[in-house]
Amino acid sequence: MINSFSHKGSQPPVQAKRLLKSLLTLGGVLLVAALVTGFVWWQKSPVNLVDAGTQIRAQLLQEWAAGEVVVLVRHAERCDRSTNPCLGPPDGITRLGSEAAKAVGQGFLGLGMTQADVLSSPLTRTMQTAYYMFGKDAQAQDWLATCGSTLRNDVVAHKRAGHNLVLVTHSGCISDFEAQTGFKHAATSEYGSSLFVHIANDGELQIVGIVKAEDWHLLSNQKH
């Protein structure tokens, strides 16, 4: 009798088993909910226009034709962070970077630059990038180097109605802008990468996506 009682007592009662199962199920549900919530709140990077589909790219081209687009372009490869030959002074870009800047500029020229303003950070690497993109000096703007908490408003303030705006700036500034427009955890922009933003005439702003330096042919193909 003692052995039989001891054996039975070592097994959890049926109700305890059910309670334990319920708690485990509830815990699993709460864990999934927490993961989903975190995923929703953890903002991704802006979409790469390579993967955005033809409809989004076609809409971007329409917005460009209407003069409703701002593009933040990161400068080309830095000389002081590369083993590639420098184009000139060490605070500028590399020769390879200048060729990449030309290619990006050709992409913009393919979109059409007759109704577009070009502004640049005054630092050597951004001014050189802008020059090799368009074959002429851009208008230097200190706010494109300092950036910070007012950047979003500064961008909107410098956008002229009916004119697109190309801003040659820095990765940190692009990160500032993304953080102020809902992408606080976006990946750092690459050399020559372009962040496209739609700004309607009423000032409403929406990030469209990015075009990497090597992907401009996608917009060119879509245009034709």
N, C-alpha and C. Protein backbone atom coordinates (compact mmCIF):
# COMPACT_ATOMS: atom_id res chain seq x y z
N MET A 1 0.82 -1.19 0.00
CA MET A 1 0.00 0.00 0.00
C MET A 1 0.85 1.25 0.00
N ILE A 2 1.94 1.24 0.80
CA ILE A 2 2.80 2.41 0.85
C ILE A 2 3.42 2.68 -0.50
N ASN A 3 3.94 1.62 -1.14
CA ASN A 3 4.57 1.81 -2.46
C ASN A 3 3.56 2.28 -3.49
N SER A 4 2.31 1.72 -3.41
CA SER A 4 1.28 2.11 -4.37
C SER A 4 0.90 3.56 -4.17
N PHE A 5 0.74 4.01 -2.93
CA PHE A 5 0.38 5.41 -2.64
C PHE A 5 1.48 6.35 -3.09
N SER A 6 2.72 5.97 -2.83
CA SER A 6 3.86 6.81 -3.21
C SER A 6 3.93 6.97 -4.71
N HIS A 7 3.65 5.90 -5.45
CA HIS A 7 3.72 5.95 -6.91
C HIS A 7 2.66 6.89 -7.48
N LYS A 8 1.44 6.76 -6.90
CA LYS A 8 0.36 7.62 -7.38
C LYS A 8 0.60 9.08 -7.04
N GLY A 9 1.18 9.35 -5.89
CA GLY A 9 1.41 10.73 -5.49
C GLY A 9 2.49 11.42 -6.29
N SER A 10 3.35 10.65 -6.96
CA SER A 10 4.42 11.26 -7.73
C SER A 10 3.95 11.80 -9.06
N GLN A 11 2.72 11.44 -9.47
CA GLN A 11 2.18 11.91 -10.74
C GLN A 11 1.36 13.18 -10.51
N PRO A 12 1.55 14.23 -11.33
CA PRO A 12 0.75 15.46 -11.17
C PRO A 12 -0.71 15.17 -11.40
N PRO A 13 -1.61 15.76 -10.63
CA PRO A 13 -3.03 15.58 -10.85
C PRO A 13 -3.42 16.03 -12.25
N VAL A 14 -4.54 15.58 -12.74
CA VAL A 14 -4.99 15.93 -14.09
C VAL A 14 -5.20 17.43 -14.21
N GLN A 15 -5.78 18.03 -13.19
CA GLN A 15 -6.03 19.47 -13.24
C GLN A 15 -4.73 20.26 -13.31
N ALA A 16 -3.71 19.79 -12.56
CA ALA A 16 -2.42 20.47 -12.60
C ALA A 16 -1.79 20.38 -13.99
N LYS A 17 -1.95 19.21 -14.62
CA LYS A 17 -1.41 19.05 -15.98
C LYS A 17 -2.09 20.01 -16.95
N ARG A 18 -3.42 20.13 -16.81
CA ARG A 18 -4.17 21.03 -17.69
C ARG A 18 -3.76 22.49 -17.46
N LEU A 19 -3.58 22.85 -16.21
CA LEU A 19 -3.17 24.21 -15.88
C LEU A 19 -1.79 24.52 -16.46
N LEU A 20 -0.87 23.56 -16.31
CA LEU A 20 0.47 23.74 -16.84
C LEU A 20 0.44 23.90 -18.36
N LYS A 21 -0.38 23.07 -19.01
CA LYS A 21 -0.50 23.15 -20.47
C LYS A 21 -1.06 24.50 -20.90
N SER A 22 -2.05 24.99 -20.14
CA SER A 22 -2.66 26.29 -20.47
C SER A 22 -1.66 27.42 -20.32
N LEU A 23 -0.87 27.36 -19.24
CA LEU A 23 0.13 28.39 -19.00
C LEU A 23 1.19 28.41 -20.10
N LEU A 24 1.61 27.20 -20.51
CA LEU A 24 2.60 27.12 -21.59
C LEU A 24 2.05 27.67 -22.89
N THR A 25 0.78 27.36 -23.17
CA THR A 25 0.13 27.87 -24.39
C THR A 25 0.03 29.39 -24.35
N LEU A 26 -0.41 29.91 -23.19
CA LEU A 26 -0.52 31.35 -23.04
C LEU A 26 0.82 32.03 -23.18
N GLY A 27 1.86 31.41 -22.58
CA GLY A 27 3.20 31.97 -22.70
C GLY A 27 3.67 32.03 -24.14
N GLY A 28 3.35 30.97 -24.90
CA GLY A 28 3.73 30.95 -26.31
C GLY A 28 3.03 32.04 -27.10
N VAL A 29 1.74 32.23 -26.81
CA VAL A 29 0.97 33.27 -27.49
C VAL A 29 1.53 34.65 -27.20
N LEU A 30 1.83 34.89 -25.91
CA LEU A 30 2.38 36.19 -25.53
C LEU A 30 3.75 36.43 -26.17
N LEU A 31 4.56 35.38 -26.27
CA LEU A 31 5.87 35.52 -26.89
C LEU A 31 5.75 35.88 -28.36
N VAL A 32 4.85 35.19 -29.06
CA VAL A 32 4.63 35.50 -30.48
C VAL A 32 4.12 36.92 -30.64
N ALA A 33 3.19 37.33 -29.78
CA ALA A 33 2.65 38.69 -29.85
C ALA A 33 3.74 39.73 -29.64
N ALA A 34 4.62 39.45 -28.67
CA ALA A 34 5.72 40.38 -28.40
C ALA A 34 6.66 40.48 -29.59
N LEU A 35 6.94 39.34 -30.22
CA LEU A 35 7.83 39.35 -31.38
C LEU A 35 7.21 40.10 -32.55
N VAL A 36 5.91 39.89 -32.77
CA VAL A 36 5.22 40.57 -33.86
C VAL A 36 5.18 42.07 -33.61
N THR A 37 4.86 42.45 -32.37
CA THR A 37 4.82 43.87 -32.03
C THR A 37 6.18 44.51 -32.22
N GLY A 38 7.22 43.85 -31.78
CA GLY A 38 8.57 44.38 -31.96
C GLY A 38 8.94 44.51 -33.41
N PHE A 39 8.50 43.55 -34.22
CA PHE A 39 8.79 43.60 -35.65
C PHE A 39 8.10 44.80 -36.29
N VAL A 40 6.85 45.07 -35.86
CA VAL A 40 6.11 46.18 -36.43
C VAL A 40 6.75 47.51 -36.06
N TRP A 41 7.14 47.63 -34.80
CA TRP A 41 7.69 48.90 -34.33
C TRP A 41 9.13 49.13 -34.77
N TRP A 42 9.85 48.05 -35.07
CA TRP A 42 11.23 48.19 -35.51
C TRP A 42 11.21 48.50 -37.01
N GLN A 43 11.31 49.78 -37.34
CA GLN A 43 11.15 50.20 -38.73
C GLN A 43 12.28 49.66 -39.61
N LYS A 44 11.92 49.21 -40.78
CA LYS A 44 12.90 48.72 -41.73
C LYS A 44 13.53 49.88 -42.48
N SER A 45 14.45 49.55 -43.39
CA SER A 45 15.03 50.54 -44.27
C SER A 45 14.04 50.86 -45.39
N PRO A 46 14.17 52.02 -46.02
CA PRO A 46 13.34 52.31 -47.20
C PRO A 46 13.54 51.22 -48.26
N VAL A 47 12.50 50.97 -49.02
CA VAL A 47 12.55 49.90 -50.01
C VAL A 47 13.58 50.20 -51.08
N ASN A 48 14.28 49.17 -51.50
CA ASN A 48 15.18 49.29 -52.65
C ASN A 48 14.31 49.26 -53.90
N LEU A 49 14.44 50.25 -54.75
CA LEU A 49 13.58 50.33 -55.92
C LEU A 49 13.81 49.20 -56.91
N VAL A 50 14.89 48.45 -56.71
CA VAL A 50 15.08 47.22 -57.49
C VAL A 50 13.94 46.26 -57.24
N ASP A 51 13.47 46.22 -56.00
CA ASP A 51 12.45 45.26 -55.58
C ASP A 51 11.06 45.87 -55.46
N ALA A 52 10.92 47.14 -55.82
CA ALA A 52 9.67 47.84 -55.56
C ALA A 52 8.59 47.55 -56.60
N GLY A 53 8.96 47.06 -57.76
CA GLY A 53 7.97 46.79 -58.80
C GLY A 53 7.83 47.94 -59.77
N THR A 54 7.36 47.63 -60.96
CA THR A 54 7.28 48.64 -62.02
C THR A 54 6.27 49.73 -61.72
N GLN A 55 5.21 49.42 -60.99
CA GLN A 55 4.19 50.43 -60.70
C GLN A 55 4.75 51.56 -59.85
N ILE A 56 5.52 51.21 -58.82
CA ILE A 56 6.11 52.24 -57.95
C ILE A 56 7.13 53.06 -58.72
N ARG A 57 7.93 52.40 -59.55
CA ARG A 57 8.92 53.14 -60.33
C ARG A 57 8.24 54.05 -61.35
N ALA A 58 7.16 53.58 -61.95
CA ALA A 58 6.44 54.41 -62.91
C ALA A 58 5.83 55.63 -62.21
N GLN A 59 5.31 55.43 -61.00
CA GLN A 59 4.75 56.55 -60.26
C GLN A 59 5.84 57.56 -59.90
N LEU A 60 7.02 57.06 -59.54
CA LEU A 60 8.14 57.95 -59.23
C LEU A 60 8.50 58.81 -60.44
N LEU A 61 8.51 58.21 -61.60
CA LEU A 61 8.82 58.96 -62.81
C LEU A 61 7.77 60.04 -63.08
N GLN A 62 6.53 59.75 -62.80
CA GLN A 62 5.48 60.76 -62.95
C GLN A 62 5.68 61.91 -61.98
N GLU A 63 6.07 61.57 -60.74
CA GLU A 63 6.31 62.60 -59.73
C GLU A 63 7.53 63.43 -60.10
N TRP A 64 8.53 62.79 -60.68
CA TRP A 64 9.71 63.52 -61.12
C TRP A 64 9.32 64.50 -62.24
N ALA A 65 8.53 64.04 -63.19
CA ALA A 65 8.09 64.90 -64.29
C ALA A 65 7.29 66.09 -63.78
N ALA A 66 6.61 65.92 -62.64
CA ALA A 66 5.83 67.00 -62.06
C ALA A 66 6.66 67.90 -61.15
N GLY A 67 7.94 67.57 -60.95
CA GLY A 67 8.80 68.39 -60.09
C GLY A 67 8.47 68.26 -58.62
N GLU A 68 8.12 67.03 -58.19
CA GLU A 68 7.70 66.80 -56.80
C GLU A 68 8.65 65.90 -56.02
N VAL A 69 9.91 65.82 -56.46
CA VAL A 69 10.83 64.85 -55.87
C VAL A 69 12.07 65.53 -55.29
N VAL A 70 12.49 65.05 -54.13
CA VAL A 70 13.79 65.42 -53.55
C VAL A 70 14.61 64.15 -53.46
N VAL A 71 15.90 64.25 -53.79
CA VAL A 71 16.78 63.09 -53.71
C VAL A 71 18.00 63.44 -52.87
N LEU A 72 18.24 62.66 -51.83
CA LEU A 72 19.44 62.82 -51.01
C LEU A 72 20.47 61.79 -51.49
N VAL A 73 21.60 62.28 -51.98
CA VAL A 73 22.63 61.41 -52.55
C VAL A 73 23.85 61.40 -51.64
N ARG A 74 24.29 60.21 -51.26
CA ARG A 74 25.53 60.14 -50.50
C ARG A 74 26.71 60.33 -51.45
N HIS A 75 27.73 61.04 -50.98
CA HIS A 75 28.92 61.27 -51.79
C HIS A 75 29.58 59.95 -52.21
N ALA A 76 30.47 60.03 -53.17
CA ALA A 76 31.19 58.86 -53.66
C ALA A 76 32.29 58.44 -52.68
N GLU A 77 33.02 57.41 -53.03
CA GLU A 77 34.01 56.80 -52.14
C GLU A 77 35.02 57.80 -51.58
N ARG A 78 35.14 57.79 -50.25
CA ARG A 78 36.07 58.70 -49.58
C ARG A 78 37.51 58.27 -49.79
N CYS A 79 38.36 59.25 -50.05
CA CYS A 79 39.79 58.96 -50.24
C CYS A 79 40.44 58.49 -48.94
N ASP A 80 40.09 59.13 -47.83
CA ASP A 80 40.76 58.83 -46.56
C ASP A 80 40.28 57.53 -45.92
N ARG A 81 39.35 56.84 -46.57
CA ARG A 81 38.89 55.55 -46.06
C ARG A 81 39.01 54.46 -47.12
N SER A 82 39.94 54.66 -48.03
CA SER A 82 40.11 53.70 -49.12
C SER A 82 41.57 53.58 -49.49
N THR A 83 41.93 52.44 -50.04
CA THR A 83 43.28 52.24 -50.56
C THR A 83 43.35 52.58 -52.05
N ASN A 84 42.22 52.94 -52.64
CA ASN A 84 42.21 53.33 -54.04
C ASN A 84 42.86 54.70 -54.22
N PRO A 85 43.43 54.98 -55.39
CA PRO A 85 44.09 56.27 -55.63
C PRO A 85 43.13 57.44 -55.43
N CYS A 86 43.64 58.49 -54.84
CA CYS A 86 42.84 59.68 -54.59
C CYS A 86 42.67 60.50 -55.86
N LEU A 87 41.54 61.16 -55.97
CA LEU A 87 41.31 62.06 -57.08
C LEU A 87 42.13 63.33 -56.91
N GLY A 88 42.29 63.77 -55.68
CA GLY A 88 43.00 65.01 -55.37
C GLY A 88 43.37 65.02 -53.90
N PRO A 89 42.88 65.99 -53.16
CA PRO A 89 43.21 66.09 -51.73
C PRO A 89 42.64 64.91 -50.94
N PRO A 90 43.26 64.57 -49.82
CA PRO A 90 42.84 63.39 -49.04
C PRO A 90 41.45 63.50 -48.44
N ASP A 91 40.91 64.71 -48.33
CA ASP A 91 39.55 64.83 -47.79
C ASP A 91 38.48 64.76 -48.88
N GLY A 92 38.92 64.39 -50.09
CA GLY A 92 37.99 64.27 -51.20
C GLY A 92 37.64 62.83 -51.50
N ILE A 93 37.32 62.54 -52.77
CA ILE A 93 36.92 61.20 -53.18
C ILE A 93 38.05 60.55 -53.98
N THR A 94 37.89 59.28 -54.24
CA THR A 94 38.87 58.54 -55.02
C THR A 94 38.58 58.70 -56.52
N ARG A 95 39.54 58.29 -57.33
CA ARG A 95 39.31 58.31 -58.78
C ARG A 95 38.17 57.36 -59.14
N LEU A 96 38.16 56.21 -58.49
CA LEU A 96 37.06 55.27 -58.72
C LEU A 96 35.73 55.91 -58.34
N GLY A 97 35.75 56.67 -57.26
CA GLY A 97 34.54 57.35 -56.82
C GLY A 97 34.05 58.38 -57.83
N SER A 98 34.99 59.05 -58.48
CA SER A 98 34.59 60.05 -59.48
C SER A 98 33.91 59.39 -60.67
N GLU A 99 34.36 58.20 -61.05
CA GLU A 99 33.73 57.48 -62.15
C GLU A 99 32.32 57.02 -61.75
N ALA A 100 32.20 56.57 -60.50
CA ALA A 100 30.88 56.18 -60.01
C ALA A 100 29.93 57.38 -59.97
N ALA A 101 30.46 58.54 -59.58
CA ALA A 101 29.64 59.76 -59.54
C ALA A 101 29.15 60.13 -60.94
N LYS A 102 30.01 59.97 -61.94
CA LYS A 102 29.60 60.24 -63.32
C LYS A 102 28.43 59.34 -63.72
N ALA A 103 28.53 58.07 -63.35
CA ALA A 103 27.47 57.12 -63.70
C ALA A 103 26.15 57.50 -63.03
N VAL A 104 26.21 57.91 -61.77
CA VAL A 104 25.00 58.35 -61.07
C VAL A 104 24.43 59.59 -61.74
N GLY A 105 25.33 60.50 -62.12
CA GLY A 105 24.88 61.71 -62.82
C GLY A 105 24.19 61.40 -64.13
N GLN A 106 24.69 60.39 -64.85
CA GLN A 106 24.05 59.99 -66.09
C GLN A 106 22.63 59.47 -65.82
N GLY A 107 22.47 58.81 -64.69
CA GLY A 107 21.14 58.35 -64.32
C GLY A 107 20.18 59.51 -64.12
N PHE A 108 20.64 60.54 -63.43
CA PHE A 108 19.80 61.72 -63.22
C PHE A 108 19.52 62.44 -64.54
N LEU A 109 20.54 62.54 -65.39
CA LEU A 109 20.33 63.19 -66.68
C LEU A 109 19.31 62.43 -67.51
N GLY A 110 19.28 61.10 -67.34
CA GLY A 110 18.28 60.31 -68.02
C GLY A 110 16.87 60.62 -67.55
N LEU A 111 16.73 60.98 -66.28
CA LEU A 111 15.43 61.39 -65.76
C LEU A 111 15.05 62.76 -66.29
N GLY A 112 16.06 63.62 -66.46
CA GLY A 112 15.82 64.98 -66.91
C GLY A 112 16.11 65.98 -65.80
N MET A 113 17.00 66.92 -66.08
CA MET A 113 17.42 67.88 -65.05
C MET A 113 17.05 69.32 -65.39
N THR A 114 16.18 69.52 -66.38
CA THR A 114 15.84 70.89 -66.76
C THR A 114 15.08 71.63 -65.67
N GLN A 115 14.34 70.89 -64.85
CA GLN A 115 13.62 71.49 -63.74
C GLN A 115 14.08 70.87 -62.42
N ALA A 116 15.37 71.01 -62.18
CA ALA A 116 15.95 70.44 -60.96
C ALA A 116 17.02 71.36 -60.40
N ASP A 117 17.02 71.52 -59.10
CA ASP A 117 18.06 72.28 -58.40
C ASP A 117 19.03 71.30 -57.75
N VAL A 118 20.32 71.67 -57.74
CA VAL A 118 21.34 70.81 -57.14
C VAL A 118 22.05 71.60 -56.04
N LEU A 119 22.00 71.08 -54.82
CA LEU A 119 22.69 71.68 -53.68
C LEU A 119 23.64 70.64 -53.10
N SER A 120 24.72 71.11 -52.47
CA SER A 120 25.70 70.19 -51.92
C SER A 120 26.23 70.68 -50.59
N SER A 121 26.59 69.73 -49.76
CA SER A 121 27.39 70.04 -48.58
C SER A 121 28.69 70.69 -49.07
N PRO A 122 29.25 71.63 -48.31
CA PRO A 122 30.47 72.32 -48.76
C PRO A 122 31.75 71.51 -48.60
N LEU A 123 31.69 70.33 -48.02
CA LEU A 123 32.91 69.54 -47.84
C LEU A 123 33.45 69.06 -49.19
N THR A 124 34.76 68.83 -49.24
CA THR A 124 35.41 68.50 -50.51
C THR A 124 34.79 67.29 -51.17
N ARG A 125 34.54 66.22 -50.40
CA ARG A 125 34.06 64.98 -51.00
C ARG A 125 32.66 65.12 -51.61
N THR A 126 31.82 65.96 -51.01
CA THR A 126 30.49 66.16 -51.57
C THR A 126 30.53 67.10 -52.77
N MET A 127 31.33 68.15 -52.69
CA MET A 127 31.44 69.07 -53.81
C MET A 127 32.04 68.38 -55.04
N GLN A 128 33.05 67.53 -54.81
CA GLN A 128 33.62 66.78 -55.92
C GLN A 128 32.60 65.82 -56.53
N THR A 129 31.84 65.15 -55.66
CA THR A 129 30.82 64.22 -56.16
C THR A 129 29.80 64.95 -57.02
N ALA A 130 29.31 66.08 -56.55
CA ALA A 130 28.33 66.85 -57.31
C ALA A 130 28.91 67.30 -58.64
N TYR A 131 30.19 67.71 -58.63
CA TYR A 131 30.81 68.18 -59.87
C TYR A 131 30.89 67.05 -60.89
N TYR A 132 31.31 65.88 -60.45
CA TYR A 132 31.45 64.77 -61.40
C TYR A 132 30.10 64.19 -61.80
N MET A 133 29.09 64.41 -61.02
CA MET A 133 27.75 63.99 -61.41
C MET A 133 27.21 64.84 -62.55
N PHE A 134 27.44 66.15 -62.47
CA PHE A 134 26.77 67.06 -63.41
C PHE A 134 27.72 67.94 -64.22
N GLY A 135 29.02 67.79 -63.99
CA GLY A 135 29.99 68.55 -64.78
C GLY A 135 30.08 70.02 -64.42
N LYS A 136 29.57 70.40 -63.28
CA LYS A 136 29.67 71.79 -62.82
C LYS A 136 29.52 71.83 -61.31
N ASP A 137 29.96 72.92 -60.72
CA ASP A 137 29.87 73.06 -59.27
C ASP A 137 28.43 73.23 -58.82
N ALA A 138 28.12 72.60 -57.71
CA ALA A 138 26.80 72.77 -57.11
C ALA A 138 26.84 73.92 -56.12
N GLN A 139 25.70 74.41 -55.76
CA GLN A 139 25.61 75.48 -54.76
C GLN A 139 25.84 74.87 -53.38
N ALA A 140 26.84 75.37 -52.66
CA ALA A 140 27.19 74.82 -51.34
C ALA A 140 26.22 75.32 -50.28
N GLN A 141 25.84 74.39 -49.40
CA GLN A 141 24.92 74.70 -48.31
C GLN A 141 25.44 74.08 -47.02
N ASP A 142 25.72 74.93 -46.03
CA ASP A 142 26.26 74.42 -44.76
C ASP A 142 25.32 73.44 -44.07
N TRP A 143 24.02 73.64 -44.20
CA TRP A 143 23.06 72.78 -43.49
C TRP A 143 23.10 71.34 -43.99
N LEU A 144 23.67 71.11 -45.18
CA LEU A 144 23.80 69.75 -45.69
C LEU A 144 25.02 69.04 -45.12
N ALA A 145 25.80 69.73 -44.31
CA ALA A 145 26.92 69.10 -43.61
C ALA A 145 26.62 68.94 -42.13
N THR A 146 25.93 69.91 -41.55
CA THR A 146 25.62 69.85 -40.12
C THR A 146 24.39 68.99 -39.85
N CYS A 147 23.37 69.11 -40.69
CA CYS A 147 22.14 68.30 -40.61
C CYS A 147 21.51 68.37 -39.23
N GLY A 148 21.29 67.23 -38.56
CA GLY A 148 20.72 67.27 -37.22
C GLY A 148 19.20 67.28 -37.21
N SER A 149 18.63 67.77 -36.11
CA SER A 149 17.20 67.62 -35.84
C SER A 149 16.31 68.47 -36.75
N THR A 150 16.87 69.46 -37.43
CA THR A 150 16.06 70.33 -38.29
C THR A 150 16.11 69.92 -39.76
N LEU A 151 16.81 68.83 -40.06
CA LEU A 151 17.07 68.49 -41.46
C LEU A 151 15.79 68.30 -42.27
N ARG A 152 14.82 67.57 -41.73
CA ARG A 152 13.59 67.35 -42.49
C ARG A 152 12.96 68.68 -42.88
N ASN A 153 12.85 69.59 -41.95
CA ASN A 153 12.25 70.89 -42.24
C ASN A 153 13.10 71.70 -43.21
N ASP A 154 14.42 71.59 -43.09
CA ASP A 154 15.31 72.30 -44.01
C ASP A 154 15.13 71.80 -45.44
N VAL A 155 14.99 70.50 -45.59
CA VAL A 155 14.78 69.93 -46.93
C VAL A 155 13.50 70.48 -47.54
N VAL A 156 12.42 70.43 -46.78
CA VAL A 156 11.14 70.93 -47.28
C VAL A 156 11.23 72.42 -47.62
N ALA A 157 11.94 73.19 -46.78
CA ALA A 157 12.05 74.63 -46.99
C ALA A 157 12.80 74.98 -48.27
N HIS A 158 13.74 74.13 -48.69
CA HIS A 158 14.54 74.42 -49.89
C HIS A 158 13.95 73.82 -51.16
N LYS A 159 12.83 73.13 -51.03
CA LYS A 159 12.18 72.54 -52.20
C LYS A 159 11.28 73.59 -52.85
N ARG A 160 11.57 73.89 -54.12
CA ARG A 160 10.75 74.83 -54.87
C ARG A 160 9.62 74.09 -55.57
N ALA A 161 8.45 74.69 -55.57
CA ALA A 161 7.31 74.07 -56.24
C ALA A 161 7.61 73.88 -57.72
N GLY A 162 7.31 72.69 -58.23
CA GLY A 162 7.52 72.40 -59.64
C GLY A 162 8.95 72.12 -60.02
N HIS A 163 9.87 72.06 -59.04
CA HIS A 163 11.28 71.77 -59.29
C HIS A 163 11.74 70.62 -58.39
N ASN A 164 12.36 69.63 -59.00
CA ASN A 164 12.99 68.59 -58.21
C ASN A 164 14.24 69.14 -57.53
N LEU A 165 14.67 68.46 -56.49
CA LEU A 165 15.81 68.93 -55.71
C LEU A 165 16.76 67.78 -55.44
N VAL A 166 18.01 67.92 -55.87
CA VAL A 166 19.05 66.91 -55.64
C VAL A 166 20.00 67.46 -54.58
N LEU A 167 20.17 66.72 -53.50
CA LEU A 167 21.01 67.15 -52.38
C LEU A 167 22.16 66.16 -52.22
N VAL A 168 23.38 66.62 -52.43
CA VAL A 168 24.55 65.76 -52.27
C VAL A 168 25.07 65.95 -50.85
N THR A 169 25.03 64.89 -50.07
CA THR A 169 25.29 65.03 -48.64
C THR A 169 26.04 63.81 -48.11
N HIS A 170 25.83 63.50 -46.83
CA HIS A 170 26.63 62.48 -46.13
C HIS A 170 25.72 61.39 -45.56
N SER A 171 26.32 60.24 -45.27
CA SER A 171 25.53 59.12 -44.75
C SER A 171 24.87 59.47 -43.42
N GLY A 172 25.59 60.20 -42.56
CA GLY A 172 25.00 60.59 -41.28
C GLY A 172 23.80 61.50 -41.45
N CYS A 173 23.87 62.37 -42.44
CA CYS A 173 22.75 63.28 -42.70
C CYS A 173 21.56 62.52 -43.26
N ILE A 174 21.82 61.56 -44.13
CA ILE A 174 20.74 60.75 -44.67
C ILE A 174 20.10 59.94 -43.54
N SER A 175 20.90 59.44 -42.63
CA SER A 175 20.36 58.72 -41.47
C SER A 175 19.50 59.64 -40.61
N ASP A 176 19.94 60.88 -40.42
CA ASP A 176 19.14 61.86 -39.68
C ASP A 176 17.78 62.05 -40.34
N PHE A 177 17.80 62.21 -41.65
CA PHE A 177 16.56 62.44 -42.39
C PHE A 177 15.64 61.22 -42.28
N GLU A 178 16.20 60.04 -42.43
CA GLU A 178 15.39 58.82 -42.33
C GLU A 178 14.78 58.68 -40.94
N ALA A 179 15.56 58.98 -39.92
CA ALA A 179 15.06 58.88 -38.54
C ALA A 179 13.90 59.85 -38.30
N GLN A 180 13.95 61.00 -38.96
CA GLN A 180 12.91 62.01 -38.78
C GLN A 180 11.68 61.75 -39.65
N THR A 181 11.76 60.74 -40.49
CA THR A 181 10.64 60.43 -41.37
C THR A 181 10.16 58.99 -41.20
N GLY A 182 10.44 58.39 -40.04
CA GLY A 182 9.87 57.09 -39.71
C GLY A 182 10.77 55.90 -39.91
N PHE A 183 12.05 56.11 -40.22
CA PHE A 183 12.97 54.98 -40.43
C PHE A 183 14.18 55.12 -39.51
N LYS A 184 13.93 54.98 -38.21
CA LYS A 184 14.97 55.21 -37.22
C LYS A 184 16.07 54.16 -37.26
N HIS A 185 15.78 52.99 -37.79
CA HIS A 185 16.75 51.90 -37.79
C HIS A 185 17.16 51.50 -39.20
N ALA A 186 17.12 52.44 -40.12
CA ALA A 186 17.48 52.15 -41.51
C ALA A 186 18.98 51.86 -41.62
N ALA A 187 19.32 51.01 -42.56
CA ALA A 187 20.73 50.69 -42.81
C ALA A 187 21.46 51.92 -43.33
N THR A 188 22.73 52.02 -43.02
CA THR A 188 23.54 53.16 -43.48
C THR A 188 23.63 53.16 -45.00
N SER A 189 23.43 54.32 -45.60
CA SER A 189 23.45 54.42 -47.06
C SER A 189 24.85 54.14 -47.60
N GLU A 190 24.91 53.57 -48.79
CA GLU A 190 26.17 53.24 -49.43
C GLU A 190 26.67 54.43 -50.24
N TYR A 191 27.94 54.37 -50.65
CA TYR A 191 28.48 55.42 -51.51
C TYR A 191 27.63 55.55 -52.77
N GLY A 192 27.26 56.77 -53.10
CA GLY A 192 26.51 57.03 -54.32
C GLY A 192 25.05 56.63 -54.28
N SER A 193 24.58 56.13 -53.15
CA SER A 193 23.18 55.72 -53.03
C SER A 193 22.28 56.95 -52.98
N SER A 194 21.10 56.84 -53.59
CA SER A 194 20.16 57.96 -53.67
C SER A 194 18.86 57.61 -52.97
N LEU A 195 18.43 58.47 -52.05
CA LEU A 195 17.17 58.30 -51.34
C LEU A 195 16.13 59.21 -51.98
N PHE A 196 15.10 58.62 -52.58
CA PHE A 196 14.06 59.38 -53.27
C PHE A 196 12.90 59.67 -52.32
N VAL A 197 12.49 60.93 -52.33
CA VAL A 197 11.41 61.40 -51.45
C VAL A 197 10.40 62.18 -52.28
N HIS A 198 9.14 61.87 -52.12
CA HIS A 198 8.08 62.63 -52.80
C HIS A 198 7.57 63.71 -51.86
N ILE A 199 7.59 64.94 -52.34
CA ILE A 199 7.04 66.06 -51.57
C ILE A 199 6.00 66.75 -52.44
N ALA A 200 4.75 66.60 -52.08
CA ALA A 200 3.67 67.23 -52.84
C ALA A 200 3.67 68.73 -52.61
N ASN A 201 2.89 69.44 -53.43
CA ASN A 201 2.86 70.90 -53.32
C ASN A 201 2.34 71.39 -51.98
N ASP A 202 1.57 70.54 -51.29
CA ASP A 202 1.06 70.93 -49.97
C ASP A 202 2.06 70.63 -48.86
N GLY A 203 3.27 70.12 -49.23
CA GLY A 203 4.31 69.85 -48.25
C GLY A 203 4.29 68.47 -47.67
N GLU A 204 3.29 67.65 -48.04
CA GLU A 204 3.23 66.27 -47.53
C GLU A 204 4.42 65.48 -48.06
N LEU A 205 5.09 64.75 -47.17
CA LEU A 205 6.34 64.07 -47.50
C LEU A 205 6.18 62.56 -47.38
N GLN A 206 6.74 61.84 -48.35
CA GLN A 206 6.73 60.38 -48.30
C GLN A 206 8.00 59.84 -48.93
N ILE A 207 8.72 59.00 -48.18
CA ILE A 207 9.91 58.35 -48.73
C ILE A 207 9.47 57.28 -49.73
N VAL A 208 10.05 57.33 -50.93
CA VAL A 208 9.69 56.39 -51.99
C VAL A 208 10.60 55.16 -51.93
N GLY A 209 11.91 55.39 -51.82
CA GLY A 209 12.85 54.28 -51.79
C GLY A 209 14.24 54.72 -52.19
N ILE A 210 15.14 53.75 -52.30
CA ILE A 210 16.53 54.05 -52.63
C ILE A 210 16.91 53.44 -53.97
N VAL A 211 17.88 54.09 -54.61
CA VAL A 211 18.50 53.55 -55.82
C VAL A 211 19.99 53.50 -55.55
N LYS A 212 20.57 52.33 -55.60
CA LYS A 212 22.01 52.21 -55.42
C LYS A 212 22.73 52.67 -56.68
N ALA A 213 24.00 53.01 -56.52
CA ALA A 213 24.75 53.59 -57.63
C ALA A 213 24.74 52.70 -58.86
N GLU A 214 24.75 51.38 -58.65
CA GLU A 214 24.85 50.46 -59.78
C GLU A 214 23.49 50.07 -60.36
N ASP A 215 22.39 50.62 -59.82
CA ASP A 215 21.06 50.17 -60.24
C ASP A 215 20.27 51.18 -61.06
N TRP A 216 20.93 52.21 -61.53
CA TRP A 216 20.19 53.26 -62.24
C TRP A 216 19.56 52.79 -63.54
N HIS A 217 20.08 51.72 -64.12
CA HIS A 217 19.51 51.23 -65.38
C HIS A 217 18.06 50.81 -65.22
N LEU A 218 17.65 50.49 -63.99
CA LEU A 218 16.27 50.09 -63.77
C LEU A 218 15.31 51.25 -64.05
N LEU A 219 15.65 52.43 -63.57
CA LEU A 219 14.81 53.60 -63.85
C LEU A 219 14.85 53.95 -65.32
N SER A 220 16.03 53.83 -65.92
CA SER A 220 16.17 54.15 -67.34
C SER A 220 15.30 53.21 -68.17
N ASN A 221 15.33 51.91 -67.84
CA ASN A 221 14.52 50.94 -68.57
C ASN A 221 13.03 51.21 -68.39
N GLN A 222 12.65 51.59 -67.16
CA GLN A 222 11.25 51.86 -66.89
C GLN A 222 10.77 53.09 -67.66
N LYS A 223 11.66 54.07 -67.79
CA LYS A 223 11.27 55.30 -68.47
C LYS A 223 10.93 55.05 -69.91
N HIS A 224 11.65 54.11 -70.51
CA HIS A 224 11.42 53.82 -71.93
C HIS A 224 10.51 52.63 -72.08
